[in-house]
Amino acid sequence: MEPGNRKLIRPSLNELKEQMNPKRSSQSATQKKSVPPEQTNAENFYYVKQMQSKTPMVIVLKDGELLHGVIEWYDRTCIKVNREEGPNLLIYKRNIKYLYKA
């Protein structure tokens, strides 16, 4: 044999991992973790449920003010609240600290 014409063969890192954990590699090849959804629609579901049942709500604003009323509609940035004791309000969601059922 001539020492000058030898070629070095290296296994890839993935091949080594598969050899070390054959059970795990077969699972990861068939089942990749899916990316979590960007939006779960839980907020939308909650608003729709409260709107349909006309649930009296208490909205607590970031400054501590309490507003009582029923959610008439909502969109991505605000909600419209119908009130008995005052005018109807359009409230930006960014100003809401939290809300709950009255």
PDB file of N, CA and C in Angstrom:
ATOM      1  N   MET A   1       0.822  -1.189   0.000  1.00  0.00           N
ATOM      2  CA  MET A   1       0.000   0.000   0.000  1.00  0.00           C
ATOM      3  C   MET A   1       0.856   1.238   0.000  1.00  0.00           C
ATOM      4  N   GLU A   2       0.375   2.225  -0.698  1.00  0.00           N
ATOM      5  CA  GLU A   2       1.082   3.491  -0.738  1.00  0.00           C
ATOM      6  C   GLU A   2       0.405   4.462   0.226  1.00  0.00           C
ATOM      7  N   PRO A   3       1.144   5.072   1.127  1.00  0.00           N
ATOM      8  CA  PRO A   3       0.536   5.947   2.114  1.00  0.00           C
ATOM      9  C   PRO A   3       0.055   7.274   1.548  1.00  0.00           C
ATOM     10  N   GLY A   4       0.372   7.676   0.374  1.00  0.00           N
ATOM     11  CA  GLY A   4       0.044   8.993  -0.152  1.00  0.00           C
ATOM     12  C   GLY A   4      -1.379   9.162  -0.636  1.00  0.00           C
ATOM     13  N   ASN A   5      -2.103   8.111  -0.999  1.00  0.00           N
ATOM     14  CA  ASN A   5      -3.423   8.240  -1.616  1.00  0.00           C
ATOM     15  C   ASN A   5      -4.566   7.825  -0.697  1.00  0.00           C
ATOM     16  N   ARG A   6      -4.392   7.966   0.595  1.00  0.00           N
ATOM     17  CA  ARG A   6      -5.478   7.588   1.509  1.00  0.00           C
ATOM     18  C   ARG A   6      -6.450   8.757   1.683  1.00  0.00           C
ATOM     19  N   LYS A   7      -7.714   8.431   1.796  1.00  0.00           N
ATOM     20  CA  LYS A   7      -8.746   9.444   1.971  1.00  0.00           C
ATOM     21  C   LYS A   7      -9.363   9.269   3.357  1.00  0.00           C
ATOM     22  N   LEU A   8      -9.465  10.355   4.105  1.00  0.00           N
ATOM     23  CA  LEU A   8     -10.029  10.314   5.436  1.00  0.00           C
ATOM     24  C   LEU A   8     -11.554  10.444   5.324  1.00  0.00           C
ATOM     25  N   ILE A   9     -12.261   9.509   5.933  1.00  0.00           N
ATOM     26  CA  ILE A   9     -13.722   9.516   5.896  1.00  0.00           C
ATOM     27  C   ILE A   9     -14.224   9.756   7.315  1.00  0.00           C
ATOM     28  N   ARG A  10     -14.972  10.832   7.489  1.00  0.00           N
ATOM     29  CA  ARG A  10     -15.535  11.156   8.790  1.00  0.00           C
ATOM     30  C   ARG A  10     -17.052  11.017   8.734  1.00  0.00           C
ATOM     31  N   PRO A  11     -17.624  10.359   9.723  1.00  0.00           N
ATOM     32  CA  PRO A  11     -19.091  10.310   9.768  1.00  0.00           C
ATOM     33  C   PRO A  11     -19.621  11.680  10.210  1.00  0.00           C
ATOM     34  N   SER A  12     -20.794  12.005   9.737  1.00  0.00           N
ATOM     35  CA  SER A  12     -21.381  13.289  10.134  1.00  0.00           C
ATOM     36  C   SER A  12     -21.855  13.207  11.587  1.00  0.00           C
ATOM     37  N   LEU A  13     -22.062  14.338  12.200  1.00  0.00           N
ATOM     38  CA  LEU A  13     -22.509  14.393  13.580  1.00  0.00           C
ATOM     39  C   LEU A  13     -23.868  13.721  13.744  1.00  0.00           C
ATOM     40  N   ASN A  14     -24.761  13.881  12.766  1.00  0.00           N
ATOM     41  CA  ASN A  14     -26.078  13.242  12.824  1.00  0.00           C
ATOM     42  C   ASN A  14     -25.965  11.727  12.807  1.00  0.00           C
ATOM     43  N   GLU A  15     -25.053  11.193  12.007  1.00  0.00           N
ATOM     44  CA  GLU A  15     -24.860   9.743  11.955  1.00  0.00           C
ATOM     45  C   GLU A  15     -24.374   9.224  13.299  1.00  0.00           C
ATOM     46  N   LEU A  16     -23.480   9.952  13.940  1.00  0.00           N
ATOM     47  CA  LEU A  16     -22.997   9.541  15.258  1.00  0.00           C
ATOM     48  C   LEU A  16     -24.125   9.554  16.289  1.00  0.00           C
ATOM     49  N   LYS A  17     -24.962  10.578  16.263  1.00  0.00           N
ATOM     50  CA  LYS A  17     -26.082  10.641  17.187  1.00  0.00           C
ATOM     51  C   LYS A  17     -27.041   9.472  16.976  1.00  0.00           C
ATOM     52  N   GLU A  18     -27.305   9.122  15.721  1.00  0.00           N
ATOM     53  CA  GLU A  18     -28.196   8.004  15.426  1.00  0.00           C
ATOM     54  C   GLU A  18     -27.613   6.694  15.927  1.00  0.00           C
ATOM     55  N   GLN A  19     -26.299   6.528  15.824  1.00  0.00           N
ATOM     56  CA  GLN A  19     -25.660   5.314  16.316  1.00  0.00           C
ATOM     57  C   GLN A  19     -25.724   5.246  17.840  1.00  0.00           C
ATOM     58  N   MET A  20     -25.602   6.385  18.515  1.00  0.00           N
ATOM     59  CA  MET A  20     -25.625   6.419  19.977  1.00  0.00           C
ATOM     60  C   MET A  20     -27.043   6.162  20.512  1.00  0.00           C
ATOM     61  N   ASN A  21     -28.057   6.739  19.892  1.00  0.00           N
ATOM     62  CA  ASN A  21     -29.450   6.608  20.334  1.00  0.00           C
ATOM     63  C   ASN A  21     -30.323   6.184  19.165  1.00  0.00           C
ATOM     64  N   PRO A  22     -30.319   4.924  18.773  1.00  0.00           N
ATOM     65  CA  PRO A  22     -31.098   4.515  17.605  1.00  0.00           C
ATOM     66  C   PRO A  22     -32.607   4.664  17.826  1.00  0.00           C
ATOM     67  N   LYS A  23     -33.106   4.453  19.048  1.00  0.00           N
ATOM     68  CA  LYS A  23     -34.532   4.571  19.321  1.00  0.00           C
ATOM     69  C   LYS A  23     -34.981   6.023  19.188  1.00  0.00           C
ATOM     70  N   ARG A  24     -34.204   6.925  19.727  1.00  0.00           N
ATOM     71  CA  ARG A  24     -34.542   8.344  19.708  1.00  0.00           C
ATOM     72  C   ARG A  24     -34.481   8.916  18.292  1.00  0.00           C
ATOM     73  N   SER A  25     -33.495   8.507  17.530  1.00  0.00           N
ATOM     74  CA  SER A  25     -33.340   9.055  16.187  1.00  0.00           C
ATOM     75  C   SER A  25     -34.485   8.648  15.273  1.00  0.00           C
ATOM     76  N   SER A  26     -35.013   7.438  15.458  1.00  0.00           N
ATOM     77  CA  SER A  26     -36.124   7.023  14.611  1.00  0.00           C
ATOM     78  C   SER A  26     -37.380   7.810  14.966  1.00  0.00           C
ATOM     79  N   GLN A  27     -37.551   8.168  16.256  1.00  0.00           N
ATOM     80  CA  GLN A  27     -38.707   8.959  16.650  1.00  0.00           C
ATOM     81  C   GLN A  27     -38.582  10.390  16.148  1.00  0.00           C
ATOM     82  N   SER A  28     -37.396  10.970  16.270  1.00  0.00           N
ATOM     83  CA  SER A  28     -37.238  12.364  15.863  1.00  0.00           C
ATOM     84  C   SER A  28     -37.362  12.526  14.354  1.00  0.00           C
ATOM     85  N   ALA A  29     -37.011  11.483  13.609  1.00  0.00           N
ATOM     86  CA  ALA A  29     -37.140  11.572  12.160  1.00  0.00           C
ATOM     87  C   ALA A  29     -38.606  11.536  11.739  1.00  0.00           C
ATOM     88  N   THR A  30     -39.444  10.780  12.472  1.00  0.00           N
ATOM     89  CA  THR A  30     -40.842  10.676  12.091  1.00  0.00           C
ATOM     90  C   THR A  30     -41.717  11.715  12.777  1.00  0.00           C
ATOM     91  N   GLN A  31     -41.376  12.113  14.021  1.00  0.00           N
ATOM     92  CA  GLN A  31     -42.196  13.065  14.767  1.00  0.00           C
ATOM     93  C   GLN A  31     -41.373  14.285  15.158  1.00  0.00           C
ATOM     94  N   LYS A  32     -41.465  15.307  14.366  1.00  0.00           N
ATOM     95  CA  LYS A  32     -40.797  16.549  14.735  1.00  0.00           C
ATOM     96  C   LYS A  32     -41.769  17.384  15.551  1.00  0.00           C
ATOM     97  N   LYS A  33     -41.239  18.103  16.523  1.00  0.00           N
ATOM     98  CA  LYS A  33     -42.103  18.956  17.333  1.00  0.00           C
ATOM     99  C   LYS A  33     -42.652  20.072  16.462  1.00  0.00           C
ATOM    100  N   SER A  34     -43.953  20.257  16.556  1.00  0.00           N
ATOM    101  CA  SER A  34     -44.553  21.327  15.767  1.00  0.00           C
ATOM    102  C   SER A  34     -44.381  22.646  16.504  1.00  0.00           C
ATOM    103  N   VAL A  35     -44.323  23.686  15.746  1.00  0.00           N
ATOM    104  CA  VAL A  35     -44.177  25.022  16.302  1.00  0.00           C
ATOM    105  C   VAL A  35     -45.504  25.406  16.940  1.00  0.00           C
ATOM    106  N   PRO A  36     -45.503  25.950  18.152  1.00  0.00           N
ATOM    107  CA  PRO A  36     -46.776  26.332  18.763  1.00  0.00           C
ATOM    108  C   PRO A  36     -47.448  27.433  17.957  1.00  0.00           C
ATOM    109  N   PRO A  37     -48.771  27.434  17.953  1.00  0.00           N
ATOM    110  CA  PRO A  37     -49.466  28.447  17.164  1.00  0.00           C
ATOM    111  C   PRO A  37     -49.198  29.843  17.704  1.00  0.00           C
ATOM    112  N   GLU A  38     -49.153  30.794  16.786  1.00  0.00           N
ATOM    113  CA  GLU A  38     -48.896  32.176  17.181  1.00  0.00           C
ATOM    114  C   GLU A  38     -50.077  32.736  17.968  1.00  0.00           C
ATOM    115  N   GLN A  39     -51.285  32.288  17.624  1.00  0.00           N
ATOM    116  CA  GLN A  39     -52.477  32.764  18.307  1.00  0.00           C
ATOM    117  C   GLN A  39     -53.366  31.580  18.630  1.00  0.00           C
ATOM    118  N   THR A  40     -53.824  31.515  19.883  1.00  0.00           N
ATOM    119  CA  THR A  40     -54.654  30.386  20.310  1.00  0.00           C
ATOM    120  C   THR A  40     -56.143  30.662  20.164  1.00  0.00           C
ATOM    121  N   ASN A  41     -56.515  31.886  19.949  1.00  0.00           N
ATOM    122  CA  ASN A  41     -57.907  32.315  19.821  1.00  0.00           C
ATOM    123  C   ASN A  41     -58.690  32.196  21.121  1.00  0.00           C
ATOM    124  N   ALA A  42     -58.018  31.990  22.258  1.00  0.00           N
ATOM    125  CA  ALA A  42     -58.695  31.906  23.550  1.00  0.00           C
ATOM    126  C   ALA A  42     -59.366  33.235  23.893  1.00  0.00           C
ATOM    127  N   GLU A  43     -58.690  34.330  23.611  1.00  0.00           N
ATOM    128  CA  GLU A  43     -59.253  35.647  23.895  1.00  0.00           C
ATOM    129  C   GLU A  43     -60.522  35.866  23.074  1.00  0.00           C
ATOM    130  N   ASN A  44     -60.468  35.522  21.802  1.00  0.00           N
ATOM    131  CA  ASN A  44     -61.636  35.680  20.928  1.00  0.00           C
ATOM    132  C   ASN A  44     -62.804  34.833  21.419  1.00  0.00           C
ATOM    133  N   PHE A  45     -62.513  33.587  21.800  1.00  0.00           N
ATOM    134  CA  PHE A  45     -63.552  32.693  22.297  1.00  0.00           C
ATOM    135  C   PHE A  45     -64.204  33.284  23.543  1.00  0.00           C
ATOM    136  N   TYR A  46     -63.400  33.842  24.456  1.00  0.00           N
ATOM    137  CA  TYR A  46     -63.916  34.425  25.695  1.00  0.00           C
ATOM    138  C   TYR A  46     -64.834  35.609  25.390  1.00  0.00           C
ATOM    139  N   TYR A  47     -64.383  36.517  24.521  1.00  0.00           N
ATOM    140  CA  TYR A  47     -65.205  37.683  24.179  1.00  0.00           C
ATOM    141  C   TYR A  47     -66.526  37.265  23.533  1.00  0.00           C
ATOM    142  N   VAL A  48     -66.483  36.334  22.614  1.00  0.00           N
ATOM    143  CA  VAL A  48     -67.707  35.893  21.932  1.00  0.00           C
ATOM    144  C   VAL A  48     -68.680  35.275  22.934  1.00  0.00           C
ATOM    145  N   LYS A  49     -68.164  34.468  23.833  1.00  0.00           N
ATOM    146  CA  LYS A  49     -69.017  33.828  24.842  1.00  0.00           C
ATOM    147  C   LYS A  49     -69.697  34.883  25.723  1.00  0.00           C
ATOM    148  N   GLN A  50     -68.957  35.886  26.164  1.00  0.00           N
ATOM    149  CA  GLN A  50     -69.516  36.936  27.024  1.00  0.00           C
ATOM    150  C   GLN A  50     -70.492  37.814  26.250  1.00  0.00           C
ATOM    151  N   MET A  51     -70.227  38.054  24.980  1.00  0.00           N
ATOM    152  CA  MET A  51     -71.123  38.874  24.161  1.00  0.00           C
ATOM    153  C   MET A  51     -72.453  38.156  23.928  1.00  0.00           C
ATOM    154  N   GLN A  52     -72.393  36.861  23.613  1.00  0.00           N
ATOM    155  CA  GLN A  52     -73.611  36.114  23.315  1.00  0.00           C
ATOM    156  C   GLN A  52     -74.518  35.995  24.526  1.00  0.00           C
ATOM    157  N   SER A  53     -73.921  35.812  25.707  1.00  0.00           N
ATOM    158  CA  SER A  53     -74.728  35.668  26.917  1.00  0.00           C
ATOM    159  C   SER A  53     -75.021  37.015  27.578  1.00  0.00           C
ATOM    160  N   LYS A  54     -74.481  38.099  26.996  1.00  0.00           N
ATOM    161  CA  LYS A  54     -74.654  39.457  27.540  1.00  0.00           C
ATOM    162  C   LYS A  54     -74.313  39.498  29.025  1.00  0.00           C
ATOM    163  N   THR A  55     -73.171  38.926  29.356  1.00  0.00           N
ATOM    164  CA  THR A  55     -72.709  38.844  30.736  1.00  0.00           C
ATOM    165  C   THR A  55     -72.281  40.222  31.234  1.00  0.00           C
ATOM    166  N   PRO A  56     -72.796  40.665  32.379  1.00  0.00           N
ATOM    167  CA  PRO A  56     -72.302  41.920  32.964  1.00  0.00           C
ATOM    168  C   PRO A  56     -70.837  41.747  33.362  1.00  0.00           C
ATOM    169  N   MET A  57     -70.006  42.672  32.920  1.00  0.00           N
ATOM    170  CA  MET A  57     -68.568  42.575  33.147  1.00  0.00           C
ATOM    171  C   MET A  57     -68.067  43.771  33.937  1.00  0.00           C
ATOM    172  N   VAL A  58     -66.955  43.563  34.629  1.00  0.00           N
ATOM    173  CA  VAL A  58     -66.238  44.643  35.285  1.00  0.00           C
ATOM    174  C   VAL A  58     -64.883  44.740  34.600  1.00  0.00           C
ATOM    175  N   ILE A  59     -64.566  45.901  34.068  1.00  0.00           N
ATOM    176  CA  ILE A  59     -63.291  46.130  33.392  1.00  0.00           C
ATOM    177  C   ILE A  59     -62.445  47.013  34.303  1.00  0.00           C
ATOM    178  N   VAL A  60     -61.267  46.527  34.663  1.00  0.00           N
ATOM    179  CA  VAL A  60     -60.359  47.296  35.503  1.00  0.00           C
ATOM    180  C   VAL A  60     -59.277  47.873  34.595  1.00  0.00           C
ATOM    181  N   LEU A  61     -59.192  49.193  34.572  1.00  0.00           N
ATOM    182  CA  LEU A  61     -58.193  49.851  33.741  1.00  0.00           C
ATOM    183  C   LEU A  61     -56.856  49.927  34.472  1.00  0.00           C
ATOM    184  N   LYS A  62     -55.809  50.199  33.733  1.00  0.00           N
ATOM    185  CA  LYS A  62     -54.464  50.272  34.324  1.00  0.00           C
ATOM    186  C   LYS A  62     -54.345  51.341  35.398  1.00  0.00           C
ATOM    187  N   ASP A  63     -55.162  52.395  35.292  1.00  0.00           N
ATOM    188  CA  ASP A  63     -55.101  53.452  36.310  1.00  0.00           C
ATOM    189  C   ASP A  63     -55.965  53.132  37.533  1.00  0.00           C
ATOM    190  N   GLY A  64     -56.616  51.956  37.544  1.00  0.00           N
ATOM    191  CA  GLY A  64     -57.406  51.531  38.693  1.00  0.00           C
ATOM    192  C   GLY A  64     -58.895  51.800  38.566  1.00  0.00           C
ATOM    193  N   GLU A  65     -59.321  52.507  37.543  1.00  0.00           N
ATOM    194  CA  GLU A  65     -60.740  52.821  37.360  1.00  0.00           C
ATOM    195  C   GLU A  65     -61.517  51.560  37.018  1.00  0.00           C
ATOM    196  N   LEU A  66     -62.712  51.422  37.621  1.00  0.00           N
ATOM    197  CA  LEU A  66     -63.584  50.278  37.356  1.00  0.00           C
ATOM    198  C   LEU A  66     -64.719  50.704  36.438  1.00  0.00           C
ATOM    199  N   LEU A  67     -64.968  49.926  35.402  1.00  0.00           N
ATOM    200  CA  LEU A  67     -66.067  50.182  34.479  1.00  0.00           C
ATOM    201  C   LEU A  67     -66.980  48.964  34.481  1.00  0.00           C
ATOM    202  N   HIS A  68     -68.289  49.202  34.568  1.00  0.00           N
ATOM    203  CA  HIS A  68     -69.272  48.125  34.560  1.00  0.00           C
ATOM    204  C   HIS A  68     -70.071  48.218  33.270  1.00  0.00           C
ATOM    205  N   GLY A  69     -70.292  47.061  32.625  1.00  0.00           N
ATOM    206  CA  GLY A  69     -71.080  47.060  31.409  1.00  0.00           C
ATOM    207  C   GLY A  69     -71.052  45.710  30.723  1.00  0.00           C
ATOM    208  N   VAL A  70     -71.632  45.682  29.548  1.00  0.00           N
ATOM    209  CA  VAL A  70     -71.722  44.473  28.726  1.00  0.00           C
ATOM    210  C   VAL A  70     -70.902  44.711  27.456  1.00  0.00           C
ATOM    211  N   ILE A  71     -70.111  43.724  27.067  1.00  0.00           N
ATOM    212  CA  ILE A  71     -69.297  43.853  25.852  1.00  0.00           C
ATOM    213  C   ILE A  71     -70.214  43.712  24.638  1.00  0.00           C
ATOM    214  N   GLU A  72     -70.253  44.742  23.802  1.00  0.00           N
ATOM    215  CA  GLU A  72     -71.085  44.709  22.591  1.00  0.00           C
ATOM    216  C   GLU A  72     -70.306  44.096  21.431  1.00  0.00           C
ATOM    217  N   TRP A  73     -69.083  44.554  21.218  1.00  0.00           N
ATOM    218  CA  TRP A  73     -68.221  43.987  20.174  1.00  0.00           C
ATOM    219  C   TRP A  73     -66.773  44.249  20.523  1.00  0.00           C
ATOM    220  N   TYR A  74     -65.883  43.620  19.766  1.00  0.00           N
ATOM    221  CA  TYR A  74     -64.443  43.768  19.985  1.00  0.00           C
ATOM    222  C   TYR A  74     -63.732  43.637  18.656  1.00  0.00           C
ATOM    223  N   ASP A  75     -62.509  44.116  18.614  1.00  0.00           N
ATOM    224  CA  ASP A  75     -61.617  43.830  17.489  1.00  0.00           C
ATOM    225  C   ASP A  75     -60.222  43.631  18.054  1.00  0.00           C
ATOM    226  N   ARG A  76     -59.231  43.698  17.212  1.00  0.00           N
ATOM    227  CA  ARG A  76     -57.869  43.399  17.630  1.00  0.00           C
ATOM    228  C   ARG A  76     -57.339  44.385  18.672  1.00  0.00           C
ATOM    229  N   THR A  77     -57.784  45.630  18.622  1.00  0.00           N
ATOM    230  CA  THR A  77     -57.197  46.643  19.494  1.00  0.00           C
ATOM    231  C   THR A  77     -58.124  47.200  20.568  1.00  0.00           C
ATOM    232  N   CYS A  78     -59.452  46.996  20.449  1.00  0.00           N
ATOM    233  CA  CYS A  78     -60.345  47.613  21.420  1.00  0.00           C
ATOM    234  C   CYS A  78     -61.619  46.800  21.624  1.00  0.00           C
ATOM    235  N   ILE A  79     -62.361  47.166  22.668  1.00  0.00           N
ATOM    236  CA  ILE A  79     -63.674  46.574  22.917  1.00  0.00           C
ATOM    237  C   ILE A  79     -64.674  47.708  23.112  1.00  0.00           C
ATOM    238  N   LYS A  80     -65.945  47.454  22.756  1.00  0.00           N
ATOM    239  CA  LYS A  80     -67.005  48.429  22.988  1.00  0.00           C
ATOM    240  C   LYS A  80     -67.858  47.906  24.127  1.00  0.00           C
ATOM    241  N   VAL A  81     -68.036  48.742  25.145  1.00  0.00           N
ATOM    242  CA  VAL A  81     -68.780  48.363  26.337  1.00  0.00           C
ATOM    243  C   VAL A  81     -70.037  49.211  26.425  1.00  0.00           C
ATOM    244  N   ASN A  82     -71.200  48.544  26.532  1.00  0.00           N
ATOM    245  CA  ASN A  82     -72.475  49.235  26.756  1.00  0.00           C
ATOM    246  C   ASN A  82     -72.698  49.326  28.252  1.00  0.00           C
ATOM    247  N   ARG A  83     -73.025  50.538  28.716  1.00  0.00           N
ATOM    248  CA  ARG A  83     -73.233  50.749  30.145  1.00  0.00           C
ATOM    249  C   ARG A  83     -74.621  51.312  30.391  1.00  0.00           C
ATOM    250  N   GLU A  84     -75.194  51.007  31.560  1.00  0.00           N
ATOM    251  CA  GLU A  84     -76.491  51.564  31.939  1.00  0.00           C
ATOM    252  C   GLU A  84     -76.317  52.907  32.628  1.00  0.00           C
ATOM    253  N   GLU A  85     -75.260  53.037  33.445  1.00  0.00           N
ATOM    254  CA  GLU A  85     -75.094  54.251  34.249  1.00  0.00           C
ATOM    255  C   GLU A  85     -74.335  55.361  33.532  1.00  0.00           C
ATOM    256  N   GLY A  86     -73.965  55.154  32.300  1.00  0.00           N
ATOM    257  CA  GLY A  86     -73.233  56.190  31.585  1.00  0.00           C
ATOM    258  C   GLY A  86     -73.217  55.908  30.100  1.00  0.00           C
ATOM    259  N   PRO A  87     -72.476  56.711  29.362  1.00  0.00           N
ATOM    260  CA  PRO A  87     -72.398  56.495  27.907  1.00  0.00           C
ATOM    261  C   PRO A  87     -71.621  55.221  27.571  1.00  0.00           C
ATOM    262  N   ASN A  88     -71.908  54.677  26.403  1.00  0.00           N
ATOM    263  CA  ASN A  88     -71.156  53.514  25.917  1.00  0.00           C
ATOM    264  C   ASN A  88     -69.714  53.936  25.667  1.00  0.00           C
ATOM    265  N   LEU A  89     -68.786  53.001  25.864  1.00  0.00           N
ATOM    266  CA  LEU A  89     -67.368  53.334  25.756  1.00  0.00           C
ATOM    267  C   LEU A  89     -66.650  52.428  24.775  1.00  0.00           C
ATOM    268  N   LEU A  90     -65.688  52.985  24.095  1.00  0.00           N
ATOM    269  CA  LEU A  90     -64.757  52.236  23.268  1.00  0.00           C
ATOM    270  C   LEU A  90     -63.424  52.252  24.013  1.00  0.00           C
ATOM    271  N   ILE A  91     -62.970  51.091  24.453  1.00  0.00           N
ATOM    272  CA  ILE A  91     -61.793  51.010  25.323  1.00  0.00           C
ATOM    273  C   ILE A  91     -60.674  50.287  24.586  1.00  0.00           C
ATOM    274  N   TYR A  92     -59.499  50.902  24.541  1.00  0.00           N
ATOM    275  CA  TYR A  92     -58.338  50.236  23.966  1.00  0.00           C
ATOM    276  C   TYR A  92     -57.881  49.107  24.891  1.00  0.00           C
ATOM    277  N   LYS A  93     -57.603  47.956  24.318  1.00  0.00           N
ATOM    278  CA  LYS A  93     -57.180  46.803  25.117  1.00  0.00           C
ATOM    279  C   LYS A  93     -55.890  47.076  25.874  1.00  0.00           C
ATOM    280  N   ARG A  94     -55.035  47.900  25.330  1.00  0.00           N
ATOM    281  CA  ARG A  94     -53.758  48.176  25.992  1.00  0.00           C
ATOM    282  C   ARG A  94     -53.956  48.932  27.304  1.00  0.00           C
ATOM    283  N   ASN A  95     -55.141  49.552  27.497  1.00  0.00           N
ATOM    284  CA  ASN A  95     -55.432  50.274  28.735  1.00  0.00           C
ATOM    285  C   ASN A  95     -56.136  49.403  29.771  1.00  0.00           C
ATOM    286  N   ILE A  96     -56.473  48.160  29.415  1.00  0.00           N
ATOM    287  CA  ILE A  96     -57.184  47.264  30.328  1.00  0.00           C
ATOM    288  C   ILE A  96     -56.154  46.461  31.127  1.00  0.00           C
ATOM    289  N   LYS A  97     -56.318  46.507  32.442  1.00  0.00           N
ATOM    290  CA  LYS A  97     -55.454  45.708  33.319  1.00  0.00           C
ATOM    291  C   LYS A  97     -55.996  44.273  33.344  1.00  0.00           C
ATOM    292  N   TYR A  98     -57.283  44.131  33.643  1.00  0.00           N
ATOM    293  CA  TYR A  98     -57.965  42.839  33.575  1.00  0.00           C
ATOM    294  C   TYR A  98     -59.464  43.067  33.582  1.00  0.00           C
ATOM    295  N   LEU A  99     -60.228  42.012  33.316  1.00  0.00           N
ATOM    296  CA  LEU A  99     -61.670  42.100  33.373  1.00  0.00           C
ATOM    297  C   LEU A  99     -62.221  40.809  33.938  1.00  0.00           C
ATOM    298  N   TYR A 100     -63.422  40.902  34.516  1.00  0.00           N
ATOM    299  CA  TYR A 100     -64.046  39.726  35.106  1.00  0.00           C
ATOM    300  C   TYR A 100     -65.557  39.885  35.079  1.00  0.00           C
ATOM    301  N   LYS A 101     -66.247  38.758  35.329  1.00  0.00           N
ATOM    302  CA  LYS A 101     -67.708  38.785  35.344  1.00  0.00           C
ATOM    303  C   LYS A 101     -68.191  39.471  36.602  1.00  0.00           C
ATOM    304  N   ALA A 102     -69.209  40.322  36.473  1.00  0.00           N
ATOM    305  CA  ALA A 102     -69.748  41.055  37.633  1.00  0.00           C
ATOM    306  C   ALA A 102     -70.532  40.132  38.544  1.00  0.00           C
TER     307      ALA A 102
END
